[in-house]
Amino acid sequence: MKRETLFNRRKRRNRAKLRNISSGKLRFSVFRSNSHIYAQIIDDRVGRTLVYASSIDRSISDSISNGGNIVAAEQVGKLLAERATSAGVKEVVFDRGAYQYHGRIKALADGARQGGLSF
């Protein structure tokens, strides 16, 4: 089976589980590429992105040397949590997509928790 197909199957399976446990909470979604990491908080009832942050943002891109490492992921998590708390968001459901919860994904989640988000 193609790698893309397996990846999408894992992503759909994870999102289906999230829908069952979320009970109307906002979704903290993550996308990881080789060179950057992106995160956003989505309201699925309305279909809108409320807050987003990435390693490309000017506020943190100057302080990091590489956008695709653990240090950058942790800073993106803190930036997203800061923006979310200023928008009034405190509780979310973490959507890791099809990625394993380790490395950059774990660093992003830990940074968001340090910034004040709870999930």
Protein backbone atom coordinates (compact mmCIF):
# COMPACT_ATOMS: atom_id res chain seq x y z
CA MET A 1 0.00 0.00 0.00
CA LYS A 2 1.21 3.52 -0.73
CA ARG A 3 2.82 5.51 2.06
CA GLU A 4 0.39 8.42 1.55
CA THR A 5 -2.58 6.12 1.90
CA LEU A 6 -1.31 4.72 5.19
CA PHE A 7 -0.55 8.21 6.48
CA ASN A 8 -4.05 9.46 5.64
CA ARG A 9 -5.60 6.36 7.20
CA ARG A 10 -3.73 7.00 10.49
CA LYS A 11 -4.78 10.66 10.38
CA ARG A 12 -8.47 9.80 9.85
CA ARG A 13 -8.37 7.19 12.60
CA ASN A 14 -6.88 9.68 15.08
CA ARG A 15 -9.38 12.42 14.17
CA ALA A 16 -12.31 10.01 14.56
CA LYS A 17 -11.15 9.19 18.09
CA LEU A 18 -10.79 12.92 18.84
CA ARG A 19 -14.35 13.60 17.68
CA ASN A 20 -15.64 11.05 20.16
CA ILE A 21 -13.81 12.51 23.17
CA SER A 22 -13.69 16.21 22.31
CA SER A 23 -17.25 17.14 23.40
CA GLY A 24 -17.19 20.46 21.58
CA LYS A 25 -13.67 21.57 22.55
CA LEU A 26 -11.41 23.39 20.15
CA ARG A 27 -8.85 21.34 18.20
CA PHE A 28 -5.09 22.02 18.41
CA SER A 29 -3.85 20.76 15.04
CA VAL A 30 -0.21 20.19 14.06
CA PHE A 31 1.56 19.97 10.70
CA ARG A 32 5.21 19.04 10.50
CA SER A 33 7.47 19.34 7.48
CA ASN A 34 11.18 18.66 7.23
CA SER A 35 12.11 22.30 7.60
CA HIS A 36 9.26 23.88 9.63
CA ILE A 37 6.43 23.16 12.07
CA TYR A 38 2.96 24.70 12.02
CA ALA A 39 0.21 24.69 14.64
CA GLN A 40 -3.31 26.09 14.76
CA ILE A 41 -6.37 26.04 16.96
CA ILE A 42 -9.53 25.28 15.02
CA ASP A 43 -13.20 25.59 15.92
CA ASP A 44 -14.73 22.67 14.01
CA ARG A 45 -18.31 23.76 14.68
CA VAL A 46 -17.78 26.94 12.66
CA GLY A 47 -14.90 25.71 10.51
CA ARG A 48 -12.58 28.60 11.41
CA THR A 49 -8.97 28.84 12.50
CA LEU A 50 -8.88 30.98 15.62
CA VAL A 51 -5.14 31.13 16.32
CA TYR A 52 -2.06 29.95 14.45
CA ALA A 53 1.71 29.94 14.84
CA SER A 54 4.62 28.51 12.92
CA SER A 55 8.38 28.49 12.81
CA ILE A 56 8.15 30.93 9.89
CA ASP A 57 6.61 33.70 12.08
CA ARG A 58 8.84 36.75 12.23
CA SER A 59 8.53 36.94 16.01
CA ILE A 60 10.49 33.70 16.49
CA SER A 61 12.27 33.08 13.18
CA ASP A 62 15.04 35.50 14.16
CA SER A 63 15.76 33.67 17.41
CA ILE A 64 16.00 30.17 15.90
CA SER A 65 18.59 28.90 13.48
CA ASN A 66 16.53 26.04 12.07
CA GLY A 67 12.73 25.79 11.93
CA GLY A 68 12.72 22.00 11.84
CA ASN A 69 14.14 21.11 15.24
CA ILE A 70 12.92 20.58 18.80
CA VAL A 71 13.91 24.05 20.00
CA ALA A 72 11.83 25.69 17.27
CA ALA A 73 8.87 23.41 18.00
CA GLU A 74 8.89 24.34 21.68
CA GLN A 75 8.98 28.05 20.86
CA VAL A 76 6.10 27.66 18.40
CA GLY A 77 4.08 25.93 21.14
CA LYS A 78 4.74 28.78 23.57
CA LEU A 79 3.83 31.38 20.93
CA LEU A 80 0.59 29.58 20.09
CA ALA A 81 -0.35 29.30 23.77
CA GLU A 82 0.34 33.01 24.27
CA ARG A 83 -1.86 33.94 21.30
CA ALA A 84 -4.57 31.49 22.41
CA THR A 85 -4.77 32.84 25.97
CA SER A 86 -5.03 36.39 24.62
CA ALA A 87 -7.93 35.17 22.44
CA GLY A 88 -9.60 33.57 25.48
CA VAL A 89 -8.81 29.92 24.69
CA LYS A 90 -7.63 27.78 27.61
CA GLU A 91 -8.72 24.20 26.90
CA VAL A 92 -8.16 22.31 23.64
CA VAL A 93 -7.91 18.78 22.29
CA PHE A 94 -4.47 17.91 20.87
CA ASP A 95 -4.65 16.60 17.29
CA ARG A 96 -1.28 15.14 16.41
CA GLY A 97 -2.54 13.97 13.03
CA ALA A 98 -0.72 10.85 11.88
CA TYR A 99 2.53 11.82 13.61
CA GLN A 100 3.90 9.91 16.58
CA TYR A 101 3.89 11.74 19.89
CA HIS A 102 7.65 12.16 20.26
CA GLY A 103 10.38 14.53 19.15
CA ARG A 104 9.12 17.78 17.66
CA ILE A 105 5.44 16.97 18.23
CA LYS A 106 6.06 16.32 21.94
CA ALA A 107 8.19 19.48 22.23
CA LEU A 108 5.40 21.52 20.63
CA ALA A 109 2.84 20.11 23.07
CA ASP A 110 5.13 20.71 26.05
CA GLY A 111 5.74 24.30 24.96
CA ALA A 112 2.00 24.90 24.65
CA ARG A 113 1.44 23.47 28.13
CA GLN A 114 4.17 25.73 29.53
CA GLY A 115 2.45 28.66 27.85
CA GLY A 116 -0.83 27.95 29.64
CA LEU A 117 -2.92 25.68 27.39
CA SER A 118 -4.43 22.58 28.93
CA PHE A 119 -5.15 19.37 27.06
